[in-house]
Amino acid sequence: MPTVGPRSGDAIFANVERVNAELFTLTYGAIVRQLLTDLEDVEEVNKQLDQMGYNIGTRLIDEFLAKANISRCVDFKETAEMIAKVGFKMFLGVTASVTNWDIEGTCCNMVLEENPLVDFVELPDTCQGLYYCNVLCGVIRGALEMVSMKTEVTWVRDVLRGDDSYELQVKLLKQVPQEYPYKDDE
């Protein structure tokens, strides 16, 4: 019997349950707007969006691993490619390209070709410090932490802030060794 290989982002995206993209985008916008109203400080909203994303990512990784049918990635480069090509496609319906690797292979940038979270969005002048999609930083950070990778994820470029693309920087801070609760019988 042939072994089952990893499924592509397109194949997984075709088989997952989806919600209406406009409903998703508008709901996310309402959450951001409510945070801005409640917290009244753009930096606090950025932190809150990151924390929300982190909480989502710690749970999303289970679904990703169950549905993607992938084996363990051998290094951070393979992990980044899997996030960009399969993870983004599976959950957002878009792909990203991985660029600008450092010499050690511990830091890269992910350039999103599209960003469905920003449809219908224009930031007013009072929100210029807002990283509207900061939830994505938290999702990646949370998901990677669940697979023993401590990372720092930040926005490098954002179209809503006047840049020409959406670009995240993902930096591996530490590979945490896995700990097992029980020792093997000897």
N, C-alpha and C. Protein backbone atom coordinates (compact mmCIF):
# COMPACT_ATOMS: atom_id res chain seq x y z
N MET A 1 0.84 -1.18 0.00
CA MET A 1 0.00 0.00 0.00
C MET A 1 0.89 1.24 0.00
N PRO A 2 0.65 2.17 -0.92
CA PRO A 2 1.50 3.37 -0.96
C PRO A 2 1.24 4.26 0.25
N THR A 3 2.30 4.96 0.67
CA THR A 3 2.15 5.86 1.80
C THR A 3 1.41 7.12 1.37
N VAL A 4 0.73 7.70 2.30
CA VAL A 4 -0.02 8.92 2.02
C VAL A 4 0.92 10.10 2.17
N GLY A 5 1.02 10.93 1.13
CA GLY A 5 1.89 12.09 1.17
C GLY A 5 1.16 13.30 1.71
N PRO A 6 1.88 14.36 1.94
CA PRO A 6 1.24 15.58 2.44
C PRO A 6 0.27 16.13 1.40
N ARG A 7 -0.81 16.68 1.88
CA ARG A 7 -1.81 17.27 0.99
C ARG A 7 -1.45 18.73 0.74
N SER A 8 -1.70 19.18 -0.46
CA SER A 8 -1.40 20.58 -0.78
C SER A 8 -2.44 21.49 -0.16
N GLY A 9 -2.09 22.75 -0.04
CA GLY A 9 -3.03 23.73 0.51
C GLY A 9 -4.31 23.80 -0.30
N ASP A 10 -4.22 23.68 -1.64
CA ASP A 10 -5.41 23.73 -2.49
C ASP A 10 -6.33 22.55 -2.21
N ALA A 11 -5.76 21.36 -2.07
CA ALA A 11 -6.57 20.16 -1.81
C ALA A 11 -7.28 20.27 -0.46
N ILE A 12 -6.59 20.75 0.53
CA ILE A 12 -7.19 20.89 1.85
C ILE A 12 -8.26 21.98 1.83
N PHE A 13 -7.96 23.10 1.18
CA PHE A 13 -8.90 24.22 1.11
C PHE A 13 -10.20 23.79 0.44
N ALA A 14 -10.08 22.91 -0.56
CA ALA A 14 -11.27 22.45 -1.28
C ALA A 14 -12.18 21.61 -0.39
N ASN A 15 -11.61 20.98 0.65
CA ASN A 15 -12.38 20.05 1.47
C ASN A 15 -12.76 20.56 2.85
N VAL A 16 -12.35 21.77 3.22
CA VAL A 16 -12.69 22.26 4.56
C VAL A 16 -13.98 23.08 4.51
N GLU A 17 -14.66 23.07 5.63
CA GLU A 17 -15.87 23.87 5.76
C GLU A 17 -15.47 25.34 5.79
N ARG A 18 -16.21 26.17 5.07
CA ARG A 18 -15.86 27.58 5.00
C ARG A 18 -17.04 28.46 5.40
N VAL A 19 -16.72 29.65 5.83
CA VAL A 19 -17.75 30.66 6.07
C VAL A 19 -17.64 31.68 4.96
N ASN A 20 -18.67 32.45 4.79
CA ASN A 20 -18.68 33.49 3.78
C ASN A 20 -17.53 34.47 4.06
N ALA A 21 -16.72 34.74 3.04
CA ALA A 21 -15.54 35.60 3.21
C ALA A 21 -15.91 37.01 3.66
N GLU A 22 -16.99 37.54 3.11
CA GLU A 22 -17.40 38.90 3.50
C GLU A 22 -17.86 38.93 4.96
N LEU A 23 -18.58 37.90 5.39
CA LEU A 23 -19.01 37.82 6.78
C LEU A 23 -17.80 37.75 7.71
N PHE A 24 -16.82 36.94 7.33
CA PHE A 24 -15.60 36.80 8.13
C PHE A 24 -14.86 38.14 8.22
N THR A 25 -14.70 38.80 7.09
CA THR A 25 -13.99 40.08 7.03
C THR A 25 -14.71 41.15 7.86
N LEU A 26 -16.00 41.22 7.71
CA LEU A 26 -16.77 42.24 8.44
C LEU A 26 -16.80 41.95 9.94
N THR A 27 -16.88 40.67 10.31
CA THR A 27 -16.86 40.30 11.73
C THR A 27 -15.52 40.67 12.35
N TYR A 28 -14.43 40.37 11.65
CA TYR A 28 -13.11 40.73 12.15
C TYR A 28 -13.00 42.25 12.30
N GLY A 29 -13.50 42.98 11.31
CA GLY A 29 -13.48 44.44 11.37
C GLY A 29 -14.26 44.97 12.57
N ALA A 30 -15.39 44.33 12.88
CA ALA A 30 -16.20 44.75 14.03
C ALA A 30 -15.44 44.51 15.34
N ILE A 31 -14.70 43.41 15.39
CA ILE A 31 -13.89 43.11 16.59
C ILE A 31 -12.81 44.18 16.77
N VAL A 32 -12.10 44.50 15.70
CA VAL A 32 -11.05 45.51 15.77
C VAL A 32 -11.65 46.86 16.18
N ARG A 33 -12.77 47.20 15.59
CA ARG A 33 -13.42 48.48 15.91
C ARG A 33 -13.82 48.54 17.38
N GLN A 34 -14.36 47.43 17.90
CA GLN A 34 -14.77 47.40 19.30
C GLN A 34 -13.56 47.51 20.22
N LEU A 35 -12.46 46.87 19.85
CA LEU A 35 -11.24 46.99 20.65
C LEU A 35 -10.75 48.44 20.67
N LEU A 36 -10.81 49.11 19.52
CA LEU A 36 -10.40 50.51 19.46
C LEU A 36 -11.29 51.38 20.35
N THR A 37 -12.58 51.08 20.37
CA THR A 37 -13.51 51.84 21.21
C THR A 37 -13.25 51.57 22.69
N ASP A 38 -13.08 50.31 23.04
CA ASP A 38 -12.91 49.93 24.45
C ASP A 38 -11.56 50.33 25.02
N LEU A 39 -10.50 50.12 24.27
CA LEU A 39 -9.16 50.33 24.80
C LEU A 39 -8.63 51.74 24.56
N GLU A 40 -9.09 52.41 23.53
CA GLU A 40 -8.74 53.79 23.21
C GLU A 40 -7.24 54.05 23.01
N ASP A 41 -6.46 52.99 22.88
CA ASP A 41 -5.02 53.12 22.67
C ASP A 41 -4.60 52.12 21.60
N VAL A 42 -4.07 52.62 20.50
CA VAL A 42 -3.72 51.78 19.37
C VAL A 42 -2.71 50.70 19.75
N GLU A 43 -1.70 51.04 20.57
CA GLU A 43 -0.70 50.05 20.98
C GLU A 43 -1.33 48.93 21.80
N GLU A 44 -2.30 49.27 22.65
CA GLU A 44 -3.01 48.25 23.43
C GLU A 44 -3.82 47.35 22.52
N VAL A 45 -4.42 47.93 21.50
CA VAL A 45 -5.19 47.14 20.53
C VAL A 45 -4.26 46.19 19.79
N ASN A 46 -3.07 46.66 19.39
CA ASN A 46 -2.09 45.80 18.74
C ASN A 46 -1.74 44.61 19.63
N LYS A 47 -1.51 44.86 20.91
CA LYS A 47 -1.18 43.79 21.85
C LYS A 47 -2.35 42.82 22.00
N GLN A 48 -3.55 43.36 22.08
CA GLN A 48 -4.74 42.52 22.26
C GLN A 48 -4.98 41.65 21.03
N LEU A 49 -4.81 42.21 19.84
CA LEU A 49 -4.97 41.43 18.60
C LEU A 49 -3.94 40.31 18.54
N ASP A 50 -2.69 40.61 18.94
CA ASP A 50 -1.66 39.59 18.97
C ASP A 50 -2.02 38.49 19.96
N GLN A 51 -2.50 38.85 21.12
CA GLN A 51 -2.87 37.85 22.13
C GLN A 51 -4.06 37.01 21.66
N MET A 52 -5.03 37.64 21.02
CA MET A 52 -6.16 36.90 20.47
C MET A 52 -5.67 35.90 19.43
N GLY A 53 -4.78 36.34 18.57
CA GLY A 53 -4.21 35.47 17.55
C GLY A 53 -3.44 34.32 18.16
N TYR A 54 -2.67 34.62 19.20
CA TYR A 54 -1.91 33.57 19.89
C TYR A 54 -2.85 32.48 20.41
N ASN A 55 -3.93 32.90 21.04
CA ASN A 55 -4.90 31.93 21.58
C ASN A 55 -5.53 31.11 20.46
N ILE A 56 -5.81 31.74 19.34
CA ILE A 56 -6.36 31.03 18.18
C ILE A 56 -5.33 30.04 17.64
N GLY A 57 -4.08 30.50 17.49
CA GLY A 57 -3.02 29.65 16.94
C GLY A 57 -2.74 28.40 17.76
N THR A 58 -2.84 28.52 19.09
CA THR A 58 -2.57 27.35 19.94
C THR A 58 -3.62 26.26 19.71
N ARG A 59 -4.78 26.65 19.24
CA ARG A 59 -5.84 25.66 18.96
C ARG A 59 -5.88 25.27 17.48
N LEU A 60 -5.56 26.20 16.62
CA LEU A 60 -5.61 25.97 15.18
C LEU A 60 -4.59 24.93 14.72
N ILE A 61 -3.49 24.85 15.41
CA ILE A 61 -2.44 23.91 15.01
C ILE A 61 -2.94 22.47 15.03
N ASP A 62 -3.82 22.15 15.97
CA ASP A 62 -4.36 20.79 16.03
C ASP A 62 -5.15 20.45 14.77
N GLU A 63 -5.99 21.38 14.34
CA GLU A 63 -6.76 21.15 13.12
C GLU A 63 -5.84 21.07 11.91
N PHE A 64 -4.84 21.94 11.88
CA PHE A 64 -3.89 21.92 10.77
C PHE A 64 -3.19 20.56 10.67
N LEU A 65 -2.68 20.08 11.78
CA LEU A 65 -1.95 18.81 11.77
C LEU A 65 -2.86 17.64 11.44
N ALA A 66 -4.11 17.69 11.89
CA ALA A 66 -5.05 16.61 11.61
C ALA A 66 -5.45 16.57 10.14
N LYS A 67 -5.68 17.73 9.55
CA LYS A 67 -6.19 17.76 8.17
C LYS A 67 -5.11 17.82 7.11
N ALA A 68 -3.94 18.35 7.44
CA ALA A 68 -2.89 18.51 6.44
C ALA A 68 -2.18 17.20 6.14
N ASN A 69 -2.24 16.26 7.08
CA ASN A 69 -1.62 14.94 6.88
C ASN A 69 -0.14 15.08 6.49
N ILE A 70 0.59 15.83 7.29
CA ILE A 70 2.00 16.07 7.00
C ILE A 70 2.86 15.38 8.05
N SER A 71 4.08 15.11 7.67
CA SER A 71 5.03 14.57 8.64
C SER A 71 5.75 15.74 9.31
N ARG A 72 6.51 15.43 10.32
CA ARG A 72 7.24 16.47 11.06
C ARG A 72 8.22 17.19 10.13
N CYS A 73 8.22 18.50 10.20
CA CYS A 73 9.15 19.29 9.38
C CYS A 73 10.57 19.11 9.92
N VAL A 74 11.53 19.04 9.02
CA VAL A 74 12.90 18.78 9.44
C VAL A 74 13.61 20.02 9.98
N ASP A 75 13.20 21.19 9.53
CA ASP A 75 13.85 22.41 10.01
C ASP A 75 12.88 23.59 9.91
N PHE A 76 13.35 24.73 10.35
CA PHE A 76 12.52 25.93 10.37
C PHE A 76 12.15 26.37 8.95
N LYS A 77 13.05 26.16 8.00
CA LYS A 77 12.76 26.55 6.61
C LYS A 77 11.56 25.77 6.07
N GLU A 78 11.55 24.49 6.31
CA GLU A 78 10.43 23.66 5.86
C GLU A 78 9.14 24.07 6.57
N THR A 79 9.24 24.39 7.85
CA THR A 79 8.09 24.83 8.63
C THR A 79 7.51 26.11 8.05
N ALA A 80 8.37 27.07 7.73
CA ALA A 80 7.91 28.34 7.16
C ALA A 80 7.22 28.12 5.82
N GLU A 81 7.77 27.26 4.99
CA GLU A 81 7.15 26.96 3.69
C GLU A 81 5.79 26.30 3.88
N MET A 82 5.67 25.44 4.87
CA MET A 82 4.40 24.76 5.15
C MET A 82 3.34 25.78 5.60
N ILE A 83 3.74 26.72 6.43
CA ILE A 83 2.81 27.76 6.86
C ILE A 83 2.36 28.59 5.66
N ALA A 84 3.32 29.01 4.85
CA ALA A 84 3.04 29.89 3.72
C ALA A 84 2.18 29.23 2.64
N LYS A 85 2.47 27.99 2.33
CA LYS A 85 1.80 27.33 1.21
C LYS A 85 0.57 26.53 1.62
N VAL A 86 0.59 25.92 2.79
CA VAL A 86 -0.53 25.07 3.21
C VAL A 86 -1.39 25.76 4.27
N GLY A 87 -0.76 26.29 5.32
CA GLY A 87 -1.51 26.90 6.41
C GLY A 87 -2.35 28.09 5.98
N PHE A 88 -1.73 29.05 5.29
CA PHE A 88 -2.47 30.22 4.84
C PHE A 88 -3.58 29.83 3.86
N LYS A 89 -3.28 28.87 2.98
CA LYS A 89 -4.29 28.44 2.01
C LYS A 89 -5.44 27.74 2.72
N MET A 90 -5.11 26.90 3.69
CA MET A 90 -6.12 26.12 4.40
C MET A 90 -7.10 27.01 5.17
N PHE A 91 -6.60 28.03 5.84
CA PHE A 91 -7.45 28.83 6.72
C PHE A 91 -7.90 30.17 6.14
N LEU A 92 -7.13 30.74 5.21
CA LEU A 92 -7.50 32.04 4.64
C LEU A 92 -7.77 32.00 3.13
N GLY A 93 -7.41 30.89 2.50
CA GLY A 93 -7.63 30.78 1.07
C GLY A 93 -6.61 31.52 0.23
N VAL A 94 -5.49 31.90 0.84
CA VAL A 94 -4.42 32.61 0.12
C VAL A 94 -3.10 31.90 0.37
N THR A 95 -2.11 32.23 -0.42
CA THR A 95 -0.78 31.70 -0.19
C THR A 95 0.19 32.85 0.04
N ALA A 96 1.34 32.51 0.55
CA ALA A 96 2.39 33.51 0.78
C ALA A 96 3.69 32.96 0.21
N SER A 97 4.60 33.85 -0.06
CA SER A 97 5.93 33.41 -0.48
C SER A 97 6.91 33.71 0.65
N VAL A 98 7.87 32.82 0.82
CA VAL A 98 8.85 32.95 1.89
C VAL A 98 10.13 33.50 1.27
N THR A 99 10.61 34.63 1.81
CA THR A 99 11.77 35.31 1.24
C THR A 99 12.72 35.77 2.35
N ASN A 100 13.84 36.33 1.93
CA ASN A 100 14.79 37.00 2.81
C ASN A 100 15.27 36.16 3.99
N TRP A 101 15.71 34.95 3.72
CA TRP A 101 16.25 34.11 4.79
C TRP A 101 17.58 34.66 5.28
N ASP A 102 17.81 34.57 6.57
CA ASP A 102 19.13 34.96 7.09
C ASP A 102 20.08 33.78 6.93
N ILE A 103 21.35 33.99 7.21
CA ILE A 103 22.39 32.97 7.01
C ILE A 103 22.12 31.72 7.86
N GLU A 104 21.66 31.92 9.09
CA GLU A 104 21.43 30.79 10.01
C GLU A 104 20.16 30.01 9.69
N GLY A 105 19.30 30.56 8.85
CA GLY A 105 18.03 29.90 8.53
C GLY A 105 17.04 30.00 9.68
N THR A 106 17.13 31.07 10.46
CA THR A 106 16.23 31.24 11.61
C THR A 106 15.32 32.45 11.48
N CYS A 107 15.41 33.17 10.39
CA CYS A 107 14.59 34.37 10.21
C CYS A 107 14.23 34.51 8.73
N CYS A 108 12.95 34.74 8.47
CA CYS A 108 12.50 34.92 7.10
C CYS A 108 11.33 35.88 7.07
N ASN A 109 10.96 36.28 5.87
CA ASN A 109 9.78 37.11 5.68
C ASN A 109 8.77 36.32 4.88
N MET A 110 7.49 36.50 5.20
CA MET A 110 6.40 35.90 4.44
C MET A 110 5.61 37.02 3.80
N VAL A 111 5.53 36.99 2.48
CA VAL A 111 4.81 38.02 1.74
C VAL A 111 3.48 37.44 1.30
N LEU A 112 2.41 38.02 1.81
CA LEU A 112 1.07 37.58 1.44
C LEU A 112 0.70 38.16 0.09
N GLU A 113 0.26 37.31 -0.82
CA GLU A 113 -0.15 37.78 -2.13
C GLU A 113 -1.48 38.52 -2.05
N GLU A 114 -2.34 38.08 -1.15
CA GLU A 114 -3.61 38.75 -0.89
C GLU A 114 -3.84 38.69 0.62
N ASN A 115 -4.71 39.55 1.12
CA ASN A 115 -5.04 39.51 2.53
C ASN A 115 -6.55 39.72 2.68
N PRO A 116 -7.29 38.63 2.88
CA PRO A 116 -8.74 38.76 2.95
C PRO A 116 -9.25 39.52 4.18
N LEU A 117 -8.42 39.71 5.17
CA LEU A 117 -8.85 40.44 6.37
C LEU A 117 -9.04 41.93 6.11
N VAL A 118 -8.45 42.45 5.05
CA VAL A 118 -8.48 43.90 4.84
C VAL A 118 -9.45 44.37 3.76
N ASP A 119 -10.27 43.46 3.23
CA ASP A 119 -11.29 43.89 2.28
C ASP A 119 -12.19 44.90 2.98
N PHE A 120 -12.53 45.96 2.32
CA PHE A 120 -13.42 47.02 2.82
C PHE A 120 -12.78 47.87 3.92
N VAL A 121 -11.46 47.82 4.13
CA VAL A 121 -10.84 48.52 5.25
C VAL A 121 -10.05 49.74 4.78
N GLU A 122 -10.28 50.85 5.45
CA GLU A 122 -9.46 52.05 5.32
C GLU A 122 -9.22 52.56 6.73
N LEU A 123 -7.98 52.77 7.08
CA LEU A 123 -7.68 53.25 8.43
C LEU A 123 -7.75 54.77 8.49
N PRO A 124 -8.46 55.29 9.49
CA PRO A 124 -8.48 56.75 9.66
C PRO A 124 -7.13 57.23 10.20
N ASP A 125 -6.89 58.52 10.13
CA ASP A 125 -5.63 59.09 10.60
C ASP A 125 -5.37 58.80 12.08
N THR A 126 -6.42 58.66 12.86
CA THR A 126 -6.25 58.39 14.30
C THR A 126 -5.74 56.99 14.58
N CYS A 127 -5.73 56.12 13.56
CA CYS A 127 -5.31 54.71 13.76
C CYS A 127 -4.05 54.37 12.99
N GLN A 128 -3.21 55.35 12.69
CA GLN A 128 -2.05 55.09 11.86
C GLN A 128 -1.03 54.14 12.50
N GLY A 129 -1.02 54.00 13.80
CA GLY A 129 -0.09 53.07 14.45
C GLY A 129 -0.65 51.67 14.58
N LEU A 130 -1.87 51.46 14.09
CA LEU A 130 -2.54 50.17 14.23
C LEU A 130 -2.01 49.16 13.22
N TYR A 131 -1.68 47.98 13.72
CA TYR A 131 -1.39 46.84 12.84
C TYR A 131 -2.69 46.05 12.78
N TYR A 132 -3.52 46.40 11.82
CA TYR A 132 -4.88 45.88 11.71
C TYR A 132 -4.92 44.35 11.71
N CYS A 133 -3.98 43.72 11.07
CA CYS A 133 -3.95 42.26 10.95
C CYS A 133 -3.00 41.61 11.94
N ASN A 134 -2.75 42.26 13.05
CA ASN A 134 -1.81 41.73 14.04
C ASN A 134 -2.23 40.37 14.58
N VAL A 135 -3.49 40.03 14.41
CA VAL A 135 -3.97 38.72 14.83
C VAL A 135 -3.19 37.61 14.11
N LEU A 136 -2.76 37.86 12.87
CA LEU A 136 -2.00 36.85 12.12
C LEU A 136 -0.64 36.58 12.77
N CYS A 137 -0.01 37.62 13.31
CA CYS A 137 1.26 37.44 14.02
C CYS A 137 1.06 36.49 15.20
N GLY A 138 0.00 36.73 15.95
CA GLY A 138 -0.29 35.90 17.10
C GLY A 138 -0.62 34.47 16.73
N VAL A 139 -1.37 34.29 15.64
CA VAL A 139 -1.73 32.93 15.20
C VAL A 139 -0.47 32.13 14.87
N ILE A 140 0.42 32.72 14.12
CA ILE A 140 1.66 32.02 13.74
C ILE A 140 2.49 31.73 14.99
N ARG A 141 2.64 32.71 15.85
CA ARG A 141 3.43 32.54 17.08
C ARG A 141 2.83 31.44 17.96
N GLY A 142 1.52 31.45 18.14
CA GLY A 142 0.86 30.46 18.98
C GLY A 142 0.96 29.05 18.40
N ALA A 143 0.74 28.93 17.10
CA ALA A 143 0.81 27.62 16.46
C ALA A 143 2.23 27.05 16.54
N LEU A 144 3.23 27.88 16.27
CA LEU A 144 4.61 27.40 16.32
C LEU A 144 5.05 27.04 17.74
N GLU A 145 4.54 27.77 18.72
CA GLU A 145 4.89 27.45 20.10
C GLU A 145 4.36 26.07 20.49
N MET A 146 3.22 25.68 19.93
CA MET A 146 2.66 24.37 20.23
C MET A 146 3.46 23.23 19.61
N VAL A 147 4.28 23.54 18.63
CA VAL A 147 5.16 22.52 18.05
C VAL A 147 6.62 22.80 18.42
N SER A 148 6.80 23.38 19.60
CA SER A 148 8.11 23.56 20.24
C SER A 148 9.02 24.58 19.57
N MET A 149 8.45 25.59 18.95
CA MET A 149 9.26 26.66 18.35
C MET A 149 8.85 28.00 18.95
N LYS A 150 9.74 28.59 19.70
CA LYS A 150 9.51 29.92 20.27
C LYS A 150 9.89 30.93 19.20
N THR A 151 8.95 31.77 18.79
CA THR A 151 9.20 32.70 17.70
C THR A 151 8.77 34.12 18.05
N GLU A 152 9.23 35.03 17.23
CA GLU A 152 8.80 36.43 17.27
C GLU A 152 8.28 36.74 15.87
N VAL A 153 7.04 37.22 15.80
CA VAL A 153 6.42 37.51 14.50
C VAL A 153 5.98 38.96 14.48
N THR A 154 6.45 39.71 13.49
CA THR A 154 6.12 41.14 13.39
C THR A 154 5.81 41.52 11.95
N TRP A 155 5.08 42.61 11.81
CA TRP A 155 4.79 43.15 10.48
C TRP A 155 5.98 43.97 10.00
N VAL A 156 6.39 43.73 8.76
CA VAL A 156 7.46 44.50 8.13
C VAL A 156 6.84 45.55 7.20
N ARG A 157 5.86 45.11 6.42
CA ARG A 157 5.17 46.02 5.50
C ARG A 157 3.67 45.73 5.55
N ASP A 158 2.89 46.78 5.36
CA ASP A 158 1.44 46.67 5.45
C ASP A 158 0.82 47.69 4.49
N VAL A 159 0.01 47.23 3.57
CA VAL A 159 -0.61 48.10 2.58
C VAL A 159 -1.47 49.18 3.26
N LEU A 160 -2.11 48.82 4.37
CA LEU A 160 -2.94 49.79 5.09
C LEU A 160 -2.11 50.94 5.67
N ARG A 161 -0.81 50.73 5.77
CA ARG A 161 0.09 51.78 6.28
C ARG A 161 0.88 52.43 5.15
N GLY A 162 0.46 52.18 3.91
CA GLY A 162 1.08 52.84 2.77
C GLY A 162 2.15 52.05 2.04
N ASP A 163 2.42 50.82 2.48
CA ASP A 163 3.42 49.99 1.80
C ASP A 163 2.80 49.33 0.57
N ASP A 164 3.65 48.63 -0.20
CA ASP A 164 3.17 48.01 -1.43
C ASP A 164 2.74 46.56 -1.27
N SER A 165 2.93 45.96 -0.08
CA SER A 165 2.52 44.57 0.13
C SER A 165 2.34 44.30 1.62
N TYR A 166 1.85 43.09 1.89
CA TYR A 166 1.72 42.63 3.28
C TYR A 166 2.85 41.66 3.54
N GLU A 167 3.72 42.00 4.50
CA GLU A 167 4.90 41.17 4.74
C GLU A 167 5.13 41.01 6.24
N LEU A 168 5.23 39.76 6.65
CA LEU A 168 5.50 39.41 8.05
C LEU A 168 6.93 38.91 8.18
N GLN A 169 7.57 39.22 9.30
CA GLN A 169 8.87 38.64 9.59
C GLN A 169 8.67 37.60 10.69
N VAL A 170 9.18 36.40 10.45
CA VAL A 170 9.09 35.32 11.42
C VAL A 170 10.50 34.95 11.84
N LYS A 171 10.78 35.08 13.12
CA LYS A 171 12.12 34.85 13.64
C LYS A 171 12.07 33.74 14.69
N LEU A 172 12.83 32.68 14.46
CA LEU A 172 12.92 31.59 15.42
C LEU A 172 13.86 32.00 16.54
N LEU A 173 13.33 32.09 17.75
CA LEU A 173 14.14 32.47 18.90
C LEU A 173 14.78 31.26 19.57
N LYS A 174 14.01 30.18 19.63
CA LYS A 174 14.50 29.01 20.35
C LYS A 174 13.70 27.78 19.94
N GLN A 175 14.39 26.70 19.69
CA GLN A 175 13.74 25.40 19.45
C GLN A 175 13.67 24.72 20.82
N VAL A 176 12.47 24.59 21.34
CA VAL A 176 12.28 24.02 22.67
C VAL A 176 12.26 22.50 22.56
N PRO A 177 13.12 21.81 23.32
CA PRO A 177 13.10 20.35 23.25
C PRO A 177 11.77 19.82 23.79
N GLN A 178 11.24 18.79 23.13
CA GLN A 178 9.98 18.22 23.59
C GLN A 178 10.20 17.42 24.85
N GLU A 179 9.29 17.60 25.79
CA GLU A 179 9.35 16.85 27.03
C GLU A 179 8.18 15.89 27.07
N TYR A 180 8.45 14.68 27.46
CA TYR A 180 7.41 13.68 27.55
C TYR A 180 7.08 13.46 29.01
N PRO A 181 5.79 13.35 29.34
CA PRO A 181 5.42 13.23 30.75
C PRO A 181 5.85 11.92 31.40
N TYR A 182 6.08 10.90 30.59
CA TYR A 182 6.42 9.61 31.16
C TYR A 182 7.73 9.13 30.53
N LYS A 183 8.53 8.45 31.33
CA LYS A 183 9.76 7.88 30.83
C LYS A 183 9.46 6.52 30.21
N ASP A 184 10.25 6.16 29.20
CA ASP A 184 10.09 4.84 28.61
C ASP A 184 10.49 3.78 29.62
N ASP A 185 9.79 2.67 29.56
CA ASP A 185 10.17 1.56 30.42
C ASP A 185 11.51 1.00 29.96
N GLU A 186 12.35 0.72 30.90
CA GLU A 186 13.68 0.22 30.53
C GLU A 186 13.79 -1.25 30.84
